[in-house]
Amino acid sequence: EDTAVYFCNKNPPYANAWGQGTEV
């Protein structure tokens, strides 16, 4: 259930700064 694409961002996030993420 940890399977997902993982992203980092500021918290709370910048709406326009999401990267491509890394898939787990």
mmCIF file of all heavy atoms, coordinates in Angstrom:
data_MODEL
# 
_entry.id   MODEL 
# 
loop_
_atom_site.group_PDB 
_atom_site.id 
_atom_site.type_symbol 
_atom_site.label_atom_id 
_atom_site.label_alt_id 
_atom_site.label_comp_id 
_atom_site.label_asym_id 
_atom_site.label_entity_id 
_atom_site.label_seq_id 
_atom_site.pdbx_PDB_ins_code 
_atom_site.Cartn_x 
_atom_site.Cartn_y 
_atom_site.Cartn_z 
_atom_site.occupancy 
_atom_site.B_iso_or_equiv 
_atom_site.pdbx_formal_charge 
_atom_site.auth_seq_id 
_atom_site.auth_comp_id 
_atom_site.auth_asym_id 
_atom_site.auth_atom_id 
_atom_site.pdbx_PDB_model_num 
ATOM 1   N N   . GLU A 1 1  ? 0.804  -1.221 0.000   1.00 0.00 ? 1  GLU A N   1 
ATOM 2   C CA  . GLU A 1 1  ? 0.000  0.000  0.000   1.00 0.00 ? 1  GLU A CA  1 
ATOM 3   C C   . GLU A 1 1  ? 0.839  1.274  0.000   1.00 0.00 ? 1  GLU A C   1 
ATOM 4   O O   . GLU A 1 1  ? 0.301  2.379  -0.093  1.00 0.00 ? 1  GLU A O   1 
ATOM 5   C CB  . GLU A 1 1  ? -0.975 0.020  1.187   1.00 0.00 ? 1  GLU A CB  1 
ATOM 6   C CG  . GLU A 1 1  ? -0.336 -0.257 2.532   1.00 0.00 ? 1  GLU A CG  1 
ATOM 7   C CD  . GLU A 1 1  ? -0.466 -1.717 2.952   1.00 0.00 ? 1  GLU A CD  1 
ATOM 8   O OE1 . GLU A 1 1  ? -0.264 -2.611 2.089   1.00 0.00 ? 1  GLU A OE1 1 
ATOM 9   O OE2 . GLU A 1 1  ? -0.763 -1.960 4.142   1.00 0.00 ? 1  GLU A OE2 1 
ATOM 10  N N   . ASP A 1 2  ? 2.162  1.149  0.100   1.00 0.00 ? 2  ASP A N   1 
ATOM 11  C CA  . ASP A 1 2  ? 3.043  2.301  -0.047  1.00 0.00 ? 2  ASP A CA  1 
ATOM 12  C C   . ASP A 1 2  ? 3.342  2.602  -1.514  1.00 0.00 ? 2  ASP A C   1 
ATOM 13  O O   . ASP A 1 2  ? 3.993  3.608  -1.823  1.00 0.00 ? 2  ASP A O   1 
ATOM 14  C CB  . ASP A 1 2  ? 4.362  2.068  0.691   1.00 0.00 ? 2  ASP A CB  1 
ATOM 15  C CG  . ASP A 1 2  ? 4.185  1.951  2.194   1.00 0.00 ? 2  ASP A CG  1 
ATOM 16  O OD1 . ASP A 1 2  ? 3.417  2.747  2.763   1.00 0.00 ? 2  ASP A OD1 1 
ATOM 17  O OD2 . ASP A 1 2  ? 4.841  1.066  2.798   1.00 0.00 ? 2  ASP A OD2 1 
ATOM 18  N N   . THR A 1 3  ? 2.892  1.748  -2.404  1.00 0.00 ? 3  THR A N   1 
ATOM 19  C CA  . THR A 1 3  ? 3.100  1.965  -3.827  1.00 0.00 ? 3  THR A CA  1 
ATOM 20  C C   . THR A 1 3  ? 2.448  3.272  -4.265  1.00 0.00 ? 3  THR A C   1 
ATOM 21  O O   . THR A 1 3  ? 1.248  3.480  -4.042  1.00 0.00 ? 3  THR A O   1 
ATOM 22  C CB  . THR A 1 3  ? 2.517  0.788  -4.640  1.00 0.00 ? 3  THR A CB  1 
ATOM 23  O OG1 . THR A 1 3  ? 3.265  -0.395 -4.330  1.00 0.00 ? 3  THR A OG1 1 
ATOM 24  C CG2 . THR A 1 3  ? 2.584  1.056  -6.136  1.00 0.00 ? 3  THR A CG2 1 
ATOM 25  N N   . ALA A 1 4  ? 3.238  4.143  -4.869  1.00 0.00 ? 4  ALA A N   1 
ATOM 26  C CA  . ALA A 1 4  ? 2.760  5.472  -5.255  1.00 0.00 ? 4  ALA A CA  1 
ATOM 27  C C   . ALA A 1 4  ? 3.894  6.221  -5.949  1.00 0.00 ? 4  ALA A C   1 
ATOM 28  O O   . ALA A 1 4  ? 5.042  5.769  -5.945  1.00 0.00 ? 4  ALA A O   1 
ATOM 29  C CB  . ALA A 1 4  ? 2.291  6.253  -4.027  1.00 0.00 ? 4  ALA A CB  1 
ATOM 30  N N   . VAL A 1 5  ? 3.546  7.354  -6.503  1.00 0.00 ? 5  VAL A N   1 
ATOM 31  C CA  . VAL A 1 5  ? 4.556  8.322  -6.936  1.00 0.00 ? 5  VAL A CA  1 
ATOM 32  C C   . VAL A 1 5  ? 4.761  9.293  -5.781  1.00 0.00 ? 5  VAL A C   1 
ATOM 33  O O   . VAL A 1 5  ? 3.798  9.840  -5.248  1.00 0.00 ? 5  VAL A O   1 
ATOM 34  C CB  . VAL A 1 5  ? 4.120  9.060  -8.210  1.00 0.00 ? 5  VAL A CB  1 
ATOM 35  C CG1 . VAL A 1 5  ? 5.194  10.055 -8.628  1.00 0.00 ? 5  VAL A CG1 1 
ATOM 36  C CG2 . VAL A 1 5  ? 3.855  8.077  -9.342  1.00 0.00 ? 5  VAL A CG2 1 
ATOM 37  N N   . TYR A 1 6  ? 6.009  9.484  -5.407  1.00 0.00 ? 6  TYR A N   1 
ATOM 38  C CA  . TYR A 1 6  ? 6.361  10.322 -4.276  1.00 0.00 ? 6  TYR A CA  1 
ATOM 39  C C   . TYR A 1 6  ? 6.930  11.655 -4.765  1.00 0.00 ? 6  TYR A C   1 
ATOM 40  O O   . TYR A 1 6  ? 7.765  11.695 -5.674  1.00 0.00 ? 6  TYR A O   1 
ATOM 41  C CB  . TYR A 1 6  ? 7.379  9.607  -3.395  1.00 0.00 ? 6  TYR A CB  1 
ATOM 42  C CG  . TYR A 1 6  ? 6.763  8.501  -2.571  1.00 0.00 ? 6  TYR A CG  1 
ATOM 43  C CD1 . TYR A 1 6  ? 6.345  7.315  -3.159  1.00 0.00 ? 6  TYR A CD1 1 
ATOM 44  C CD2 . TYR A 1 6  ? 6.577  8.656  -1.198  1.00 0.00 ? 6  TYR A CD2 1 
ATOM 45  C CE1 . TYR A 1 6  ? 5.760  6.305  -2.401  1.00 0.00 ? 6  TYR A CE1 1 
ATOM 46  C CE2 . TYR A 1 6  ? 6.003  7.641  -0.437  1.00 0.00 ? 6  TYR A CE2 1 
ATOM 47  C CZ  . TYR A 1 6  ? 5.594  6.480  -1.049  1.00 0.00 ? 6  TYR A CZ  1 
ATOM 48  O OH  . TYR A 1 6  ? 5.004  5.480  -0.298  1.00 0.00 ? 6  TYR A OH  1 
ATOM 49  N N   . PHE A 1 7  ? 6.474  12.729 -4.137  1.00 0.00 ? 7  PHE A N   1 
ATOM 50  C CA  . PHE A 1 7  ? 6.865  14.086 -4.483  1.00 0.00 ? 7  PHE A CA  1 
ATOM 51  C C   . PHE A 1 7  ? 7.355  14.808 -3.230  1.00 0.00 ? 7  PHE A C   1 
ATOM 52  O O   . PHE A 1 7  ? 6.907  14.513 -2.124  1.00 0.00 ? 7  PHE A O   1 
ATOM 53  C CB  . PHE A 1 7  ? 5.666  14.880 -5.018  1.00 0.00 ? 7  PHE A CB  1 
ATOM 54  C CG  . PHE A 1 7  ? 4.963  14.273 -6.191  1.00 0.00 ? 7  PHE A CG  1 
ATOM 55  C CD1 . PHE A 1 7  ? 3.960  13.338 -5.994  1.00 0.00 ? 7  PHE A CD1 1 
ATOM 56  C CD2 . PHE A 1 7  ? 5.282  14.654 -7.477  1.00 0.00 ? 7  PHE A CD2 1 
ATOM 57  C CE1 . PHE A 1 7  ? 3.276  12.780 -7.073  1.00 0.00 ? 7  PHE A CE1 1 
ATOM 58  C CE2 . PHE A 1 7  ? 4.617  14.104 -8.569  1.00 0.00 ? 7  PHE A CE2 1 
ATOM 59  C CZ  . PHE A 1 7  ? 3.610  13.173 -8.358  1.00 0.00 ? 7  PHE A CZ  1 
ATOM 60  N N   . CYS A 1 8  ? 8.216  15.782 -3.439  1.00 0.00 ? 8  CYS A N   1 
ATOM 61  C CA  . CYS A 1 8  ? 8.525  16.686 -2.342  1.00 0.00 ? 8  CYS A CA  1 
ATOM 62  C C   . CYS A 1 8  ? 8.080  18.089 -2.742  1.00 0.00 ? 8  CYS A C   1 
ATOM 63  O O   . CYS A 1 8  ? 7.960  18.422 -3.923  1.00 0.00 ? 8  CYS A O   1 
ATOM 64  C CB  . CYS A 1 8  ? 10.004 16.666 -1.965  1.00 0.00 ? 8  CYS A CB  1 
ATOM 65  S SG  . CYS A 1 8  ? 11.097 17.412 -3.173  1.00 0.00 ? 8  CYS A SG  1 
ATOM 66  N N   . ASN A 1 9  ? 7.829  18.902 -1.760  1.00 0.00 ? 9  ASN A N   1 
ATOM 67  C CA  . ASN A 1 9  ? 7.385  20.281 -1.971  1.00 0.00 ? 9  ASN A CA  1 
ATOM 68  C C   . ASN A 1 9  ? 7.434  20.975 -0.626  1.00 0.00 ? 9  ASN A C   1 
ATOM 69  O O   . ASN A 1 9  ? 7.573  20.339 0.433   1.00 0.00 ? 9  ASN A O   1 
ATOM 70  C CB  . ASN A 1 9  ? 5.964  20.315 -2.534  1.00 0.00 ? 9  ASN A CB  1 
ATOM 71  C CG  . ASN A 1 9  ? 5.638  21.596 -3.288  1.00 0.00 ? 9  ASN A CG  1 
ATOM 72  O OD1 . ASN A 1 9  ? 6.090  22.677 -2.909  1.00 0.00 ? 9  ASN A OD1 1 
ATOM 73  N ND2 . ASN A 1 9  ? 4.865  21.497 -4.345  1.00 0.00 ? 9  ASN A ND2 1 
ATOM 74  N N   . LYS A 1 10 ? 7.351  22.268 -0.667  1.00 0.00 ? 10 LYS A N   1 
ATOM 75  C CA  . LYS A 1 10 ? 7.175  23.010 0.570   1.00 0.00 ? 10 LYS A CA  1 
ATOM 76  C C   . LYS A 1 10 ? 5.869  22.550 1.230   1.00 0.00 ? 10 LYS A C   1 
ATOM 77  O O   . LYS A 1 10 ? 4.993  21.994 0.575   1.00 0.00 ? 10 LYS A O   1 
ATOM 78  C CB  . LYS A 1 10 ? 7.108  24.514 0.232   1.00 0.00 ? 10 LYS A CB  1 
ATOM 79  C CG  . LYS A 1 10 ? 7.162  25.429 1.402   1.00 0.00 ? 10 LYS A CG  1 
ATOM 80  C CD  . LYS A 1 10 ? 7.134  26.900 0.939   1.00 0.00 ? 10 LYS A CD  1 
ATOM 81  C CE  . LYS A 1 10 ? 5.813  27.330 0.369   1.00 0.00 ? 10 LYS A CE  1 
ATOM 82  N NZ  . LYS A 1 10 ? 4.749  27.370 1.380   1.00 0.00 ? 10 LYS A NZ  1 
ATOM 83  N N   . ASN A 1 11 ? 5.784  22.790 2.542   1.00 0.00 ? 11 ASN A N   1 
ATOM 84  C CA  . ASN A 1 11 ? 4.534  22.527 3.229   1.00 0.00 ? 11 ASN A CA  1 
ATOM 85  C C   . ASN A 1 11 ? 4.087  23.781 3.944   1.00 0.00 ? 11 ASN A C   1 
ATOM 86  O O   . ASN A 1 11 ? 4.790  24.246 4.856   1.00 0.00 ? 11 ASN A O   1 
ATOM 87  C CB  . ASN A 1 11 ? 4.690  21.377 4.221   1.00 0.00 ? 11 ASN A CB  1 
ATOM 88  C CG  . ASN A 1 11 ? 3.392  21.084 4.949   1.00 0.00 ? 11 ASN A CG  1 
ATOM 89  O OD1 . ASN A 1 11 ? 3.256  21.389 6.129   1.00 0.00 ? 11 ASN A OD1 1 
ATOM 90  N ND2 . ASN A 1 11 ? 2.413  20.522 4.253   1.00 0.00 ? 11 ASN A ND2 1 
ATOM 91  N N   . PRO A 1 12 ? 2.913  24.347 3.596   1.00 0.00 ? 12 PRO A N   1 
ATOM 92  C CA  . PRO A 1 12 ? 2.035  23.914 2.520   1.00 0.00 ? 12 PRO A CA  1 
ATOM 93  C C   . PRO A 1 12 ? 2.703  24.072 1.152   1.00 0.00 ? 12 PRO A C   1 
ATOM 94  O O   . PRO A 1 12 ? 3.619  24.893 1.020   1.00 0.00 ? 12 PRO A O   1 
ATOM 95  C CB  . PRO A 1 12 ? 0.823  24.822 2.657   1.00 0.00 ? 12 PRO A CB  1 
ATOM 96  C CG  . PRO A 1 12 ? 1.311  26.010 3.387   1.00 0.00 ? 12 PRO A CG  1 
ATOM 97  C CD  . PRO A 1 12 ? 2.381  25.521 4.312   1.00 0.00 ? 12 PRO A CD  1 
ATOM 98  N N   . PRO A 1 13 ? 2.254  23.315 0.179   1.00 0.00 ? 13 PRO A N   1 
ATOM 99  C CA  . PRO A 1 13 ? 2.985  23.236 -1.081  1.00 0.00 ? 13 PRO A CA  1 
ATOM 100 C C   . PRO A 1 13 ? 2.810  24.448 -1.998  1.00 0.00 ? 13 PRO A C   1 
ATOM 101 O O   . PRO A 1 13 ? 1.778  25.119 -1.989  1.00 0.00 ? 13 PRO A O   1 
ATOM 102 C CB  . PRO A 1 13 ? 2.401  21.989 -1.750  1.00 0.00 ? 13 PRO A CB  1 
ATOM 103 C CG  . PRO A 1 13 ? 1.014  21.912 -1.222  1.00 0.00 ? 13 PRO A CG  1 
ATOM 104 C CD  . PRO A 1 13 ? 1.101  22.396 0.187   1.00 0.00 ? 13 PRO A CD  1 
ATOM 105 N N   . TYR A 1 14 ? 3.829  24.690 -2.816  1.00 0.00 ? 14 TYR A N   1 
ATOM 106 C CA  . TYR A 1 14 ? 3.701  25.602 -3.942  1.00 0.00 ? 14 TYR A CA  1 
ATOM 107 C C   . TYR A 1 14 ? 2.894  24.864 -5.020  1.00 0.00 ? 14 TYR A C   1 
ATOM 108 O O   . TYR A 1 14 ? 3.316  23.826 -5.513  1.00 0.00 ? 14 TYR A O   1 
ATOM 109 C CB  . TYR A 1 14 ? 5.071  25.947 -4.513  1.00 0.00 ? 14 TYR A CB  1 
ATOM 110 C CG  . TYR A 1 14 ? 5.879  26.929 -3.714  1.00 0.00 ? 14 TYR A CG  1 
ATOM 111 C CD1 . TYR A 1 14 ? 7.144  26.591 -3.224  1.00 0.00 ? 14 TYR A CD1 1 
ATOM 112 C CD2 . TYR A 1 14 ? 5.425  28.222 -3.458  1.00 0.00 ? 14 TYR A CD2 1 
ATOM 113 C CE1 . TYR A 1 14 ? 7.908  27.474 -2.505  1.00 0.00 ? 14 TYR A CE1 1 
ATOM 114 C CE2 . TYR A 1 14 ? 6.189  29.126 -2.733  1.00 0.00 ? 14 TYR A CE2 1 
ATOM 115 C CZ  . TYR A 1 14 ? 7.427  28.741 -2.265  1.00 0.00 ? 14 TYR A CZ  1 
ATOM 116 O OH  . TYR A 1 14 ? 8.189  29.631 -1.549  1.00 0.00 ? 14 TYR A OH  1 
ATOM 117 N N   . ALA A 1 15 ? 1.785  25.439 -5.420  1.00 0.00 ? 15 ALA A N   1 
ATOM 118 C CA  . ALA A 1 15 ? 0.898  24.751 -6.367  1.00 0.00 ? 15 ALA A CA  1 
ATOM 119 C C   . ALA A 1 15 ? 1.557  24.515 -7.721  1.00 0.00 ? 15 ALA A C   1 
ATOM 120 O O   . ALA A 1 15 ? 1.274  23.526 -8.394  1.00 0.00 ? 15 ALA A O   1 
ATOM 121 C CB  . ALA A 1 15 ? -0.390 25.550 -6.539  1.00 0.00 ? 15 ALA A CB  1 
ATOM 122 N N   . ASN A 1 16 ? 2.433  25.418 -8.120  1.00 0.00 ? 16 ASN A N   1 
ATOM 123 C CA  . ASN A 1 16 ? 3.017  25.331 -9.461  1.00 0.00 ? 16 ASN A CA  1 
ATOM 124 C C   . ASN A 1 16 ? 4.421  24.768 -9.464  1.00 0.00 ? 16 ASN A C   1 
ATOM 125 O O   . ASN A 1 16 ? 5.142  24.906 -10.454 1.00 0.00 ? 16 ASN A O   1 
ATOM 126 C CB  . ASN A 1 16 ? 3.014  26.713 -10.106 1.00 0.00 ? 16 ASN A CB  1 
ATOM 127 C CG  . ASN A 1 16 ? 1.604  27.245 -10.309 1.00 0.00 ? 16 ASN A CG  1 
ATOM 128 O OD1 . ASN A 1 16 ? 0.694  26.494 -10.638 1.00 0.00 ? 16 ASN A OD1 1 
ATOM 129 N ND2 . ASN A 1 16 ? 1.424  28.531 -10.085 1.00 0.00 ? 16 ASN A ND2 1 
ATOM 130 N N   . ALA A 1 17 ? 4.840  24.145 -8.375  1.00 0.00 ? 17 ALA A N   1 
ATOM 131 C CA  . ALA A 1 17 ? 6.215  23.667 -8.276  1.00 0.00 ? 17 ALA A CA  1 
ATOM 132 C C   . ALA A 1 17 ? 6.333  22.161 -8.134  1.00 0.00 ? 17 ALA A C   1 
ATOM 133 O O   . ALA A 1 17 ? 7.386  21.664 -7.770  1.00 0.00 ? 17 ALA A O   1 
ATOM 134 C CB  . ALA A 1 17 ? 6.923  24.342 -7.102  1.00 0.00 ? 17 ALA A CB  1 
ATOM 135 N N   . TRP A 1 18 ? 5.266  21.426 -8.429  1.00 0.00 ? 18 TRP A N   1 
ATOM 136 C CA  . TRP A 1 18 ? 5.350  19.971 -8.338  1.00 0.00 ? 18 TRP A CA  1 
ATOM 137 C C   . TRP A 1 18 ? 6.307  19.446 -9.399  1.00 0.00 ? 18 TRP A C   1 
ATOM 138 O O   . TRP A 1 18 ? 6.229  19.813 -10.568 1.00 0.00 ? 18 TRP A O   1 
ATOM 139 C CB  . TRP A 1 18 ? 3.973  19.337 -8.524  1.00 0.00 ? 18 TRP A CB  1 
ATOM 140 C CG  . TRP A 1 18 ? 3.020  19.651 -7.413  1.00 0.00 ? 18 TRP A CG  1 
ATOM 141 C CD1 . TRP A 1 18 ? 1.977  20.523 -7.447  1.00 0.00 ? 18 TRP A CD1 1 
ATOM 142 C CD2 . TRP A 1 18 ? 3.048  19.103 -6.087  1.00 0.00 ? 18 TRP A CD2 1 
ATOM 143 N NE1 . TRP A 1 18 ? 1.351  20.548 -6.234  1.00 0.00 ? 18 TRP A NE1 1 
ATOM 144 C CE2 . TRP A 1 18 ? 1.980  19.688 -5.376  1.00 0.00 ? 18 TRP A CE2 1 
ATOM 145 C CE3 . TRP A 1 18 ? 3.861  18.189 -5.430  1.00 0.00 ? 18 TRP A CE3 1 
ATOM 146 C CZ2 . TRP A 1 18 ? 1.701  19.381 -4.038  1.00 0.00 ? 18 TRP A CZ2 1 
ATOM 147 C CZ3 . TRP A 1 18 ? 3.572  17.876 -4.108  1.00 0.00 ? 18 TRP A CZ3 1 
ATOM 148 C CH2 . TRP A 1 18 ? 2.519  18.464 -3.430  1.00 0.00 ? 18 TRP A CH2 1 
ATOM 149 N N   . GLY A 1 19 ? 7.204  18.560 -8.980  1.00 0.00 ? 19 GLY A N   1 
ATOM 150 C CA  . GLY A 1 19 ? 8.108  17.926 -9.911  1.00 0.00 ? 19 GLY A CA  1 
ATOM 151 C C   . GLY A 1 19 ? 7.484  16.687 -10.527 1.00 0.00 ? 19 GLY A C   1 
ATOM 152 O O   . GLY A 1 19 ? 6.278  16.464 -10.419 1.00 0.00 ? 19 GLY A O   1 
ATOM 153 N N   . GLN A 1 20 ? 8.327  15.889 -11.174 1.00 0.00 ? 20 GLN A N   1 
ATOM 154 C CA  . GLN A 1 20 ? 7.857  14.659 -11.805 1.00 0.00 ? 20 GLN A CA  1 
ATOM 155 C C   . GLN A 1 20 ? 7.615  13.544 -10.800 1.00 0.00 ? 20 GLN A C   1 
ATOM 156 O O   . GLN A 1 20 ? 6.891  12.598 -11.076 1.00 0.00 ? 20 GLN A O   1 
ATOM 157 C CB  . GLN A 1 20 ? 8.886  14.184 -12.833 1.00 0.00 ? 20 GLN A CB  1 
ATOM 158 C CG  . GLN A 1 20 ? 9.056  15.135 -14.000 1.00 0.00 ? 20 GLN A CG  1 
ATOM 159 C CD  . GLN A 1 20 ? 7.782  15.260 -14.797 1.00 0.00 ? 20 GLN A CD  1 
ATOM 160 O OE1 . GLN A 1 20 ? 7.163  14.256 -15.172 1.00 0.00 ? 20 GLN A OE1 1 
ATOM 161 N NE2 . GLN A 1 20 ? 7.361  16.489 -15.058 1.00 0.00 ? 20 GLN A NE2 1 
ATOM 162 N N   . GLY A 1 21 ? 8.217  13.683 -9.641  1.00 0.00 ? 21 GLY A N   1 
ATOM 163 C CA  . GLY A 1 21 ? 8.070  12.644 -8.636  1.00 0.00 ? 21 GLY A CA  1 
ATOM 164 C C   . GLY A 1 21 ? 8.977  11.460 -8.920  1.00 0.00 ? 21 GLY A C   1 
ATOM 165 O O   . GLY A 1 21 ? 9.649  11.384 -9.955  1.00 0.00 ? 21 GLY A O   1 
ATOM 166 N N   . THR A 1 22 ? 9.006  10.537 -7.978  1.00 0.00 ? 22 THR A N   1 
ATOM 167 C CA  . THR A 1 22 ? 9.758  9.293  -8.165  1.00 0.00 ? 22 THR A CA  1 
ATOM 168 C C   . THR A 1 22 ? 8.843  8.135  -7.769  1.00 0.00 ? 22 THR A C   1 
ATOM 169 O O   . THR A 1 22 ? 8.187  8.177  -6.729  1.00 0.00 ? 22 THR A O   1 
ATOM 170 C CB  . THR A 1 22 ? 11.056 9.309  -7.341  1.00 0.00 ? 22 THR A CB  1 
ATOM 171 O OG1 . THR A 1 22 ? 11.841 8.161  -7.662  1.00 0.00 ? 22 THR A OG1 1 
ATOM 172 C CG2 . THR A 1 22 ? 10.825 9.386  -5.844  1.00 0.00 ? 22 THR A CG2 1 
ATOM 173 N N   . GLU A 1 23 ? 8.792  7.136  -8.613  1.00 0.00 ? 23 GLU A N   1 
ATOM 174 C CA  . GLU A 1 23 ? 7.820  6.062  -8.434  1.00 0.00 ? 23 GLU A CA  1 
ATOM 175 C C   . GLU A 1 23 ? 8.371  4.971  -7.541  1.00 0.00 ? 23 GLU A C   1 
ATOM 176 O O   . GLU A 1 23 ? 9.485  4.483  -7.730  1.00 0.00 ? 23 GLU A O   1 
ATOM 177 C CB  . GLU A 1 23 ? 7.432  5.482  -9.788  1.00 0.00 ? 23 GLU A CB  1 
ATOM 178 C CG  . GLU A 1 23 ? 6.298  4.482  -9.733  1.00 0.00 ? 23 GLU A CG  1 
ATOM 179 C CD  . GLU A 1 23 ? 5.748  4.155  -11.109 1.00 0.00 ? 23 GLU A CD  1 
ATOM 180 O OE1 . GLU A 1 23 ? 6.326  4.610  -12.109 1.00 0.00 ? 23 GLU A OE1 1 
ATOM 181 O OE2 . GLU A 1 23 ? 4.739  3.429  -11.175 1.00 0.00 ? 23 GLU A OE2 1 
ATOM 182 N N   . VAL A 1 24 ? 7.556  4.581  -6.586  1.00 0.00 ? 24 VAL A N   1 
ATOM 183 C CA  . VAL A 1 24 ? 7.891  3.488  -5.678  1.00 0.00 ? 24 VAL A CA  1 
ATOM 184 C C   . VAL A 1 24 ? 6.859  2.383  -5.871  1.00 0.00 ? 24 VAL A C   1 
ATOM 185 O O   . VAL A 1 24 ? 5.656  2.639  -5.777  1.00 0.00 ? 24 VAL A O   1 
ATOM 186 C CB  . VAL A 1 24 ? 7.888  3.960  -4.217  1.00 0.00 ? 24 VAL A CB  1 
ATOM 187 C CG1 . VAL A 1 24 ? 8.074  2.768  -3.269  1.00 0.00 ? 24 VAL A CG1 1 
ATOM 188 C CG2 . VAL A 1 24 ? 8.983  4.989  -3.989  1.00 0.00 ? 24 VAL A CG2 1 
# 
